[in-house]
Each structure stands twice: as C-alpha cells, then as structure tokens.
C-alpha cells in the first residue's frame, strides 16, 4: 500500500515493512517469508514477546549498518546482535534520524489477564507503541495494547496500525473505539493470522468503522 510516497506492507501478526525514500524500516518482524526480506536500515521492536522480538527473523534482515530501536524488555534477548547500534527506549522517549523521527508511547492492557489480577502487558511495564514521522506523515504502531487513555494525546496521525485480535490486545470493537479517539486518516488492523486472531477480526474492524467517513480502513 502506498501513502504519500511511503510504501507499507503488513506481514504476520504486527509485522510491517515501510519503504521511505530509499530506507527500509521494519516494525516487529515475525515469520518473514523470502519475498519479505530486505536489508533493514531501521528496525523497531515494541516489546519482548516472541512474536514481536524474534531474533530468528531479525537475523534475516540485519547488517552492520542496521539501527535497532527496542523496548527495555528486549535487552537480554538482543544481546550479541550484530548491528550498528541498539537504542532501548521507554515511553516518552524521542529519537531523530534525520528524515525519520520516532516517539515511544505507552502500550499496555486494561482488562486482558494472564491470570487473575495479572495483566499480560502491565501499565508500569516497558511495552511500547511508536509514532514514526517522515515525509510529512505520522505513522502510529500501537504495539500490544488495549484502548488506553493516552491514545487521546496522539495528534495528527496519518496512519494508525491497531491490534484487533483480542486475548492479549484490543478486540475489533475496542480497536474501532480507539480509532474514533485517535482519528487517523487511515487505520490498518494488525495482530492476527499467526498466534491469535484472523482476517475476520480485521474485517469486523473495517465494518465497525464504516460510518466514520474520515477514517479510511485498509486491510493489507
């Protein structure tokens, strides 16, 4: 899919490849197939779960020129990764790479529990979402999250990539609510097709937002 000279491809779960003015950017690469593999300039990892921080997939796309940006909870997993540099961020952190800037934002659960009283993704944890800004566009990748109050602080989002599978993240209904809060120009459902969730969740998300004329939903 192309938007303002930015090419986005959605892969398994929450994985994306974004092509920007000759740069190759990945977010949460997982179960990459041969045609999805290109040498990465930048890789962004939202948190430490295996379907987001997959060393097997990282090894397919890294080089000594690659810059990795990750949540603090990925630190032990990424020890020894042969890349140019790894930045570990917390919510509220910002980085600037010239034509590409990034802000780390909150990502956590409100009502998705691993066991009674224990959330899968804790509010005080190190899970991240990212807002990437490039070529005058702002792309929000929500990471693993519920519809949280901090989403109301996101402004001027062009593309919002939102999880829809439920279980560990928002359901399609909750993701639709999040989209109405964020009001992106375009919303892309994610977090389905491998561990949990299916394209039916993505379709339900699109159907729920049909009345939101200002939000263009794309399943890619």
Foldseek 3Di string as FASTA:
>chain_A
DDDLNKDWDQDAFLWIWIDDPNATEIFQDAPDDPVREEAHQEYEFFADDCSRLPVVRVVRHYDQNHEYEYAPRCVVVCPPPRYVYYHHDAQQDKDDDDQKIKHWHFAAEDPQAPDVPHAPGDRPDRGTWMWMDGSRATETERGAHFLDPCLLVAAAHAEYEAEAFPNRHHHLVRRLVSCVSNVHQEYEYGRDDPPTHDVVRLVVNQVVCPVVVSYHYDYD
